[in-house]
Amino acid sequence: MRGCGLCWTEAELEALDRDPVLLSDEIVRKFAWETTSHFDRDEYELAWRRLGYRVVEVLERELDNKLTAGLPWARFDSWPEGEQEALRTLITDVVVRVAGDPERRHELDRLLQAAAQLDQDMAPWLRLLDTFADDVVVEVAGTYAWDYARDNGPLLTWMWWDDPGKPIREWLVSDELRARLSTIDNRNAQSTLEDIDLMIEFSTR
């Protein structure tokens, strides 16, 4: 594989052409983090199609939302349908596992941002979030509502499409979420509703 000679040694570039199982997490992470224009685009797409499952393995351990930022450059939306579905399933499974782990649930936002690179849209992943337990929904909604009530919203650093926060804002002010939060008898849910009201108030000023 060809790549930036200042960023990559010849041995590292050769390793990217070998069996993905043999690659260290360090090389996989470096590939996913690398500036996409440092690779030939056609080669980059093929590399992602081979290495995608390894990137997801690293993602599950590190929940780093930059790891999938290269998917648009890798032309994910033009991959064969079976390959798209395979990667989507792997990432969805990670989201489900992290959502079910109380020790890691606070990191779910970064993972949802990573998953959103598949669609360049947060909406499908917020719909998945709606299927989770109440405490998971409160965790994520509370984080988003706090950010919008006190600032311009969450940092969506690697989401380069137009207005990536729009689905989040629409989800927060939806009747469905308000109805659900209103039925949850704990302080976190009520604080989230208060922050959503603050967000709405600030947006109309």
C-alpha atoms as a PDB file:
ATOM      1  CA  MET A   1       0.000   0.000   0.000  1.00  0.00           C
ATOM      2  CA  ARG A   2       1.232   3.506  -0.775  1.00  0.00           C
ATOM      3  CA  GLY A   3       1.091   6.250   1.812  1.00  0.00           C
ATOM      4  CA  CYS A   4       2.805   9.312   3.193  1.00  0.00           C
ATOM      5  CA  GLY A   5       6.489   8.500   3.563  1.00  0.00           C
ATOM      6  CA  LEU A   6       6.833  11.024   6.366  1.00  0.00           C
ATOM      7  CA  CYS A   7       4.104   9.359   8.448  1.00  0.00           C
ATOM      8  CA  TRP A   8       4.669   5.710   7.563  1.00  0.00           C
ATOM      9  CA  THR A   9       7.679   3.441   7.278  1.00  0.00           C
ATOM     10  CA  GLU A  10       7.888   1.071   4.357  1.00  0.00           C
ATOM     11  CA  ALA A  11       7.480  -1.837   6.768  1.00  0.00           C
ATOM     12  CA  GLU A  12       4.240  -0.379   8.154  1.00  0.00           C
ATOM     13  CA  LEU A  13       2.806   0.173   4.681  1.00  0.00           C
ATOM     14  CA  GLU A  14       3.701  -3.393   3.709  1.00  0.00           C
ATOM     15  CA  ALA A  15       2.015  -4.644   6.883  1.00  0.00           C
ATOM     16  CA  LEU A  16      -1.260  -3.000   5.805  1.00  0.00           C
ATOM     17  CA  ASP A  17      -1.303  -5.333   2.787  1.00  0.00           C
ATOM     18  CA  ARG A  18      -0.990  -8.467   4.907  1.00  0.00           C
ATOM     19  CA  ASP A  19      -3.553 -10.514   6.803  1.00  0.00           C
ATOM     20  CA  PRO A  20      -5.456  -8.063   9.075  1.00  0.00           C
ATOM     21  CA  VAL A  21      -5.326 -10.626  11.886  1.00  0.00           C
ATOM     22  CA  LEU A  22      -1.572 -10.114  12.059  1.00  0.00           C
ATOM     23  CA  LEU A  23      -1.758  -6.346  12.497  1.00  0.00           C
ATOM     24  CA  SER A  24      -1.178  -4.796  15.898  1.00  0.00           C
ATOM     25  CA  ASP A  25      -3.832  -2.543  17.376  1.00  0.00           C
ATOM     26  CA  GLU A  26      -1.274   0.264  17.114  1.00  0.00           C
ATOM     27  CA  ILE A  27      -1.038  -0.048  13.308  1.00  0.00           C
ATOM     28  CA  VAL A  28      -4.834  -0.367  12.963  1.00  0.00           C
ATOM     29  CA  ARG A  29      -5.326   2.743  15.106  1.00  0.00           C
ATOM     30  CA  LYS A  30      -2.682   4.638  13.135  1.00  0.00           C
ATOM     31  CA  PHE A  31      -4.385   3.722   9.859  1.00  0.00           C
ATOM     32  CA  ALA A  32      -7.806   4.856  11.099  1.00  0.00           C
ATOM     33  CA  TRP A  33      -6.409   8.079  12.544  1.00  0.00           C
ATOM     34  CA  GLU A  34      -4.266   8.991   9.534  1.00  0.00           C
ATOM     35  CA  THR A  35      -5.163  11.974   7.371  1.00  0.00           C
ATOM     36  CA  THR A  36      -7.154  10.345   4.578  1.00  0.00           C
ATOM     37  CA  SER A  37      -5.480  12.315   1.799  1.00  0.00           C
ATOM     38  CA  HIS A  38      -2.177  10.689   2.738  1.00  0.00           C
ATOM     39  CA  PHE A  39      -3.375   7.562   0.941  1.00  0.00           C
ATOM     40  CA  ASP A  40      -4.486   6.900  -2.615  1.00  0.00           C
ATOM     41  CA  ARG A  41      -8.276   6.939  -2.371  1.00  0.00           C
ATOM     42  CA  ASP A  42      -8.849   3.684  -4.231  1.00  0.00           C
ATOM     43  CA  GLU A  43      -6.274   1.902  -2.071  1.00  0.00           C
ATOM     44  CA  TYR A  44      -7.720   3.488   1.044  1.00  0.00           C
ATOM     45  CA  GLU A  45     -11.182   2.161   0.232  1.00  0.00           C
ATOM     46  CA  LEU A  46      -9.878  -1.354  -0.315  1.00  0.00           C
ATOM     47  CA  ALA A  47      -7.850  -1.181   2.892  1.00  0.00           C
ATOM     48  CA  TRP A  48     -10.914  -0.130   4.886  1.00  0.00           C
ATOM     49  CA  ARG A  49     -12.938  -2.961   3.400  1.00  0.00           C
ATOM     50  CA  ARG A  50     -10.264  -5.414   4.615  1.00  0.00           C
ATOM     51  CA  LEU A  51      -9.446  -3.749   7.933  1.00  0.00           C
ATOM     52  CA  GLY A  52     -12.871  -2.508   8.989  1.00  0.00           C
ATOM     53  CA  TYR A  53     -13.532  -5.323  11.428  1.00  0.00           C
ATOM     54  CA  ARG A  54     -10.151  -4.698  13.091  1.00  0.00           C
ATOM     55  CA  VAL A  55     -10.964  -0.999  13.427  1.00  0.00           C
ATOM     56  CA  VAL A  56     -14.206  -1.981  15.165  1.00  0.00           C
ATOM     57  CA  GLU A  57     -12.256  -4.217  17.556  1.00  0.00           C
ATOM     58  CA  VAL A  58     -10.077  -1.256  18.521  1.00  0.00           C
ATOM     59  CA  LEU A  59     -13.151   0.982  18.699  1.00  0.00           C
ATOM     60  CA  GLU A  60     -14.819  -1.277  21.244  1.00  0.00           C
ATOM     61  CA  ARG A  61     -11.784  -1.109  23.496  1.00  0.00           C
ATOM     62  CA  GLU A  62     -11.164   2.628  23.125  1.00  0.00           C
ATOM     63  CA  LEU A  63     -14.524   4.227  22.093  1.00  0.00           C
ATOM     64  CA  ASP A  64     -12.640   6.821  20.053  1.00  0.00           C
ATOM     65  CA  ASN A  65     -14.990   8.668  17.702  1.00  0.00           C
ATOM     66  CA  LYS A  66     -12.187   9.537  15.274  1.00  0.00           C
ATOM     67  CA  LEU A  67     -11.539   5.901  14.379  1.00  0.00           C
ATOM     68  CA  THR A  68     -14.379   5.808  11.823  1.00  0.00           C
ATOM     69  CA  ALA A  69     -13.961   9.346  10.477  1.00  0.00           C
ATOM     70  CA  GLY A  70     -12.338   8.027   7.299  1.00  0.00           C
ATOM     71  CA  LEU A  71     -15.382   6.052   6.181  1.00  0.00           C
ATOM     72  CA  PRO A  72     -16.736   8.788   3.861  1.00  0.00           C
ATOM     73  CA  TRP A  73     -13.320   9.002   2.126  1.00  0.00           C
ATOM     74  CA  ALA A  74     -13.392   5.193   1.900  1.00  0.00           C
ATOM     75  CA  ARG A  75     -16.688   5.517  -0.035  1.00  0.00           C
ATOM     76  CA  PHE A  76     -18.564   3.376   2.482  1.00  0.00           C
ATOM     77  CA  ASP A  77     -21.910   4.146   0.840  1.00  0.00           C
ATOM     78  CA  SER A  78     -20.716   2.525  -2.419  1.00  0.00           C
ATOM     79  CA  TRP A  79     -19.409  -0.715  -0.883  1.00  0.00           C
ATOM     80  CA  PRO A  80     -21.201  -3.946  -1.804  1.00  0.00           C
ATOM     81  CA  GLU A  81     -24.371  -4.222   0.242  1.00  0.00           C
ATOM     82  CA  GLY A  82     -23.167  -7.292   2.104  1.00  0.00           C
ATOM     83  CA  GLU A  83     -19.967  -5.558   3.195  1.00  0.00           C
ATOM     84  CA  GLN A  84     -21.859  -2.483   4.344  1.00  0.00           C
ATOM     85  CA  GLU A  85     -24.251  -4.611   6.352  1.00  0.00           C
ATOM     86  CA  ALA A  86     -21.418  -6.619   7.917  1.00  0.00           C
ATOM     87  CA  LEU A  87     -19.654  -3.513   9.224  1.00  0.00           C
ATOM     88  CA  ARG A  88     -22.937  -1.973  10.366  1.00  0.00           C
ATOM     89  CA  THR A  89     -23.761  -5.139  12.306  1.00  0.00           C
ATOM     90  CA  LEU A  90     -20.362  -5.150  14.020  1.00  0.00           C
ATOM     91  CA  ILE A  91     -20.704  -1.532  15.104  1.00  0.00           C
ATOM     92  CA  THR A  92     -24.326  -1.960  16.168  1.00  0.00           C
ATOM     93  CA  ASP A  93     -23.313  -4.907  18.344  1.00  0.00           C
ATOM     94  CA  VAL A  94     -20.652  -2.766  20.019  1.00  0.00           C
ATOM     95  CA  VAL A  95     -23.206  -0.014  20.692  1.00  0.00           C
ATOM     96  CA  VAL A  96     -25.554  -2.559  22.278  1.00  0.00           C
ATOM     97  CA  ARG A  97     -22.807  -4.018  24.472  1.00  0.00           C
ATOM     98  CA  VAL A  98     -21.570  -0.643  25.681  1.00  0.00           C
ATOM     99  CA  ALA A  99     -25.136   0.520  26.376  1.00  0.00           C
ATOM    100  CA  GLY A 100     -25.591  -2.564  28.538  1.00  0.00           C
ATOM    101  CA  ASP A 101     -22.431  -1.916  30.561  1.00  0.00           C
ATOM    102  CA  PRO A 102     -23.047   0.543  33.426  1.00  0.00           C
ATOM    103  CA  GLU A 103     -19.294   1.112  33.753  1.00  0.00           C
ATOM    104  CA  ARG A 104     -18.953   2.338  30.159  1.00  0.00           C
ATOM    105  CA  ARG A 105     -22.332   3.881  29.496  1.00  0.00           C
ATOM    106  CA  HIS A 106     -21.057   7.413  30.095  1.00  0.00           C
ATOM    107  CA  GLU A 107     -18.888   6.981  26.968  1.00  0.00           C
ATOM    108  CA  LEU A 108     -21.816   6.059  24.736  1.00  0.00           C
ATOM    109  CA  ASP A 109     -22.015   9.480  23.076  1.00  0.00           C
ATOM    110  CA  ARG A 110     -18.545   9.087  21.520  1.00  0.00           C
ATOM    111  CA  LEU A 111     -19.496   5.664  20.243  1.00  0.00           C
ATOM    112  CA  LEU A 112     -22.735   6.947  18.711  1.00  0.00           C
ATOM    113  CA  GLN A 113     -20.723   9.633  16.934  1.00  0.00           C
ATOM    114  CA  ALA A 114     -18.408   6.960  15.568  1.00  0.00           C
ATOM    115  CA  ALA A 115     -21.379   4.890  14.409  1.00  0.00           C
ATOM    116  CA  ALA A 116     -22.955   7.914  12.722  1.00  0.00           C
ATOM    117  CA  GLN A 117     -20.124   7.951  10.180  1.00  0.00           C
ATOM    118  CA  LEU A 118     -21.825   4.962   8.522  1.00  0.00           C
ATOM    119  CA  ASP A 119     -24.780   7.154   7.555  1.00  0.00           C
ATOM    120  CA  GLN A 120     -23.336  10.642   8.017  1.00  0.00           C
ATOM    121  CA  ASP A 121     -26.379  11.069  10.200  1.00  0.00           C
ATOM    122  CA  MET A 122     -27.066  10.639  13.921  1.00  0.00           C
ATOM    123  CA  ALA A 123     -30.778   9.951  13.436  1.00  0.00           C
ATOM    124  CA  PRO A 124     -30.587   6.156  12.895  1.00  0.00           C
ATOM    125  CA  TRP A 125     -28.461   5.778  16.001  1.00  0.00           C
ATOM    126  CA  LEU A 126     -30.788   7.868  18.121  1.00  0.00           C
ATOM    127  CA  ARG A 127     -33.608   5.592  16.981  1.00  0.00           C
ATOM    128  CA  LEU A 128     -31.537   2.643  18.195  1.00  0.00           C
ATOM    129  CA  LEU A 129     -30.939   4.468  21.463  1.00  0.00           C
ATOM    130  CA  ASP A 130     -34.700   4.760  21.919  1.00  0.00           C
ATOM    131  CA  THR A 131     -34.900   0.952  22.133  1.00  0.00           C
ATOM    132  CA  PHE A 132     -32.587   0.812  25.152  1.00  0.00           C
ATOM    133  CA  ALA A 133     -33.451   0.851  28.841  1.00  0.00           C
ATOM    134  CA  ASP A 134     -34.585   4.065  30.503  1.00  0.00           C
ATOM    135  CA  ASP A 135     -31.333   4.638  32.370  1.00  0.00           C
ATOM    136  CA  VAL A 136     -29.375   4.508  29.101  1.00  0.00           C
ATOM    137  CA  VAL A 137     -31.675   7.032  27.441  1.00  0.00           C
ATOM    138  CA  VAL A 138     -31.478   9.327  30.459  1.00  0.00           C
ATOM    139  CA  GLU A 139     -27.668   9.106  30.463  1.00  0.00           C
ATOM    140  CA  VAL A 140     -27.311  10.214  26.852  1.00  0.00           C
ATOM    141  CA  ALA A 141     -30.207  12.663  26.759  1.00  0.00           C
ATOM    142  CA  GLY A 142     -28.961  14.238  29.969  1.00  0.00           C
ATOM    143  CA  THR A 143     -25.507  14.770  28.511  1.00  0.00           C
ATOM    144  CA  TYR A 144     -26.861  16.334  25.312  1.00  0.00           C
ATOM    145  CA  ALA A 145     -29.421  18.494  27.091  1.00  0.00           C
ATOM    146  CA  TRP A 146     -26.813  19.791  29.544  1.00  0.00           C
ATOM    147  CA  ASP A 147     -24.520  20.739  26.639  1.00  0.00           C
ATOM    148  CA  TYR A 148     -27.270  22.567  24.740  1.00  0.00           C
ATOM    149  CA  ALA A 149     -28.652  24.294  27.840  1.00  0.00           C
ATOM    150  CA  ARG A 150     -25.246  25.738  28.744  1.00  0.00           C
ATOM    151  CA  ASP A 151     -23.341  25.946  25.462  1.00  0.00           C
ATOM    152  CA  ASN A 152     -23.714  25.337  21.739  1.00  0.00           C
ATOM    153  CA  GLY A 153     -24.183  21.613  22.215  1.00  0.00           C
ATOM    154  CA  PRO A 154     -21.890  18.584  22.257  1.00  0.00           C
ATOM    155  CA  LEU A 155     -18.564  18.610  20.451  1.00  0.00           C
ATOM    156  CA  LEU A 156     -19.144  16.825  17.151  1.00  0.00           C
ATOM    157  CA  THR A 157     -15.515  17.087  16.090  1.00  0.00           C
ATOM    158  CA  TRP A 158     -15.260  14.556  13.278  1.00  0.00           C
ATOM    159  CA  MET A 159     -18.755  14.924  11.840  1.00  0.00           C
ATOM    160  CA  TRP A 160     -18.077  17.036   8.757  1.00  0.00           C
ATOM    161  CA  TRP A 161     -21.504  17.009   7.119  1.00  0.00           C
ATOM    162  CA  ASP A 162     -23.966  19.889   7.342  1.00  0.00           C
ATOM    163  CA  ASP A 163     -25.473  20.522  10.794  1.00  0.00           C
ATOM    164  CA  PRO A 164     -24.667  17.149  12.380  1.00  0.00           C
ATOM    165  CA  GLY A 165     -26.348  18.230  15.623  1.00  0.00           C
ATOM    166  CA  LYS A 166     -29.773  18.748  14.054  1.00  0.00           C
ATOM    167  CA  PRO A 167     -31.018  15.169  14.707  1.00  0.00           C
ATOM    168  CA  ILE A 168     -29.858  15.454  18.313  1.00  0.00           C
ATOM    169  CA  ARG A 169     -31.758  18.690  18.853  1.00  0.00           C
ATOM    170  CA  GLU A 170     -34.872  17.278  17.188  1.00  0.00           C
ATOM    171  CA  TRP A 171     -34.655  14.161  19.340  1.00  0.00           C
ATOM    172  CA  LEU A 172     -34.298  16.172  22.545  1.00  0.00           C
ATOM    173  CA  VAL A 173     -37.395  18.287  21.874  1.00  0.00           C
ATOM    174  CA  SER A 174     -39.509  15.425  20.520  1.00  0.00           C
ATOM    175  CA  ASP A 175     -42.822  14.647  22.177  1.00  0.00           C
ATOM    176  CA  GLU A 176     -41.808  10.993  22.404  1.00  0.00           C
ATOM    177  CA  LEU A 177     -38.698  11.673  24.481  1.00  0.00           C
ATOM    178  CA  ARG A 178     -40.502  14.149  26.715  1.00  0.00           C
ATOM    179  CA  ALA A 179     -43.268  11.644  27.367  1.00  0.00           C
ATOM    180  CA  ARG A 180     -40.766   8.940  28.215  1.00  0.00           C
ATOM    181  CA  LEU A 181     -38.671  11.113  30.525  1.00  0.00           C
ATOM    182  CA  SER A 182     -41.832  12.317  32.263  1.00  0.00           C
ATOM    183  CA  THR A 183     -42.664   8.766  33.306  1.00  0.00           C
ATOM    184  CA  ILE A 184     -39.234   8.084  34.823  1.00  0.00           C
ATOM    185  CA  ASP A 185     -39.319   8.756  38.543  1.00  0.00           C
ATOM    186  CA  ASN A 186     -35.783   9.884  39.277  1.00  0.00           C
ATOM    187  CA  ARG A 187     -33.932  13.170  39.595  1.00  0.00           C
ATOM    188  CA  ASN A 188     -31.722  12.609  36.537  1.00  0.00           C
ATOM    189  CA  ALA A 189     -34.724  12.330  34.233  1.00  0.00           C
ATOM    190  CA  GLN A 190     -36.316  15.435  35.701  1.00  0.00           C
ATOM    191  CA  SER A 191     -33.042  17.384  35.446  1.00  0.00           C
ATOM    192  CA  THR A 192     -32.839  16.384  31.804  1.00  0.00           C
ATOM    193  CA  LEU A 193     -36.327  17.754  31.173  1.00  0.00           C
ATOM    194  CA  GLU A 194     -35.359  20.997  32.907  1.00  0.00           C
ATOM    195  CA  ASP A 195     -32.274  21.311  30.701  1.00  0.00           C
ATOM    196  CA  ILE A 196     -34.344  20.620  27.588  1.00  0.00           C
ATOM    197  CA  ASP A 197     -36.692  23.422  28.616  1.00  0.00           C
ATOM    198  CA  LEU A 198     -33.686  25.729  29.077  1.00  0.00           C
ATOM    199  CA  MET A 199     -32.418  24.730  25.645  1.00  0.00           C
ATOM    200  CA  ILE A 200     -35.794  25.569  24.096  1.00  0.00           C
ATOM    201  CA  GLU A 201     -35.936  28.871  25.959  1.00  0.00           C
ATOM    202  CA  PHE A 202     -32.474  29.914  24.798  1.00  0.00           C
ATOM    203  CA  SER A 203     -33.215  28.924  21.198  1.00  0.00           C
ATOM    204  CA  THR A 204     -36.227  31.249  21.049  1.00  0.00           C
ATOM    205  CA  ARG A 205     -34.476  34.325  22.447  1.00  0.00           C
END
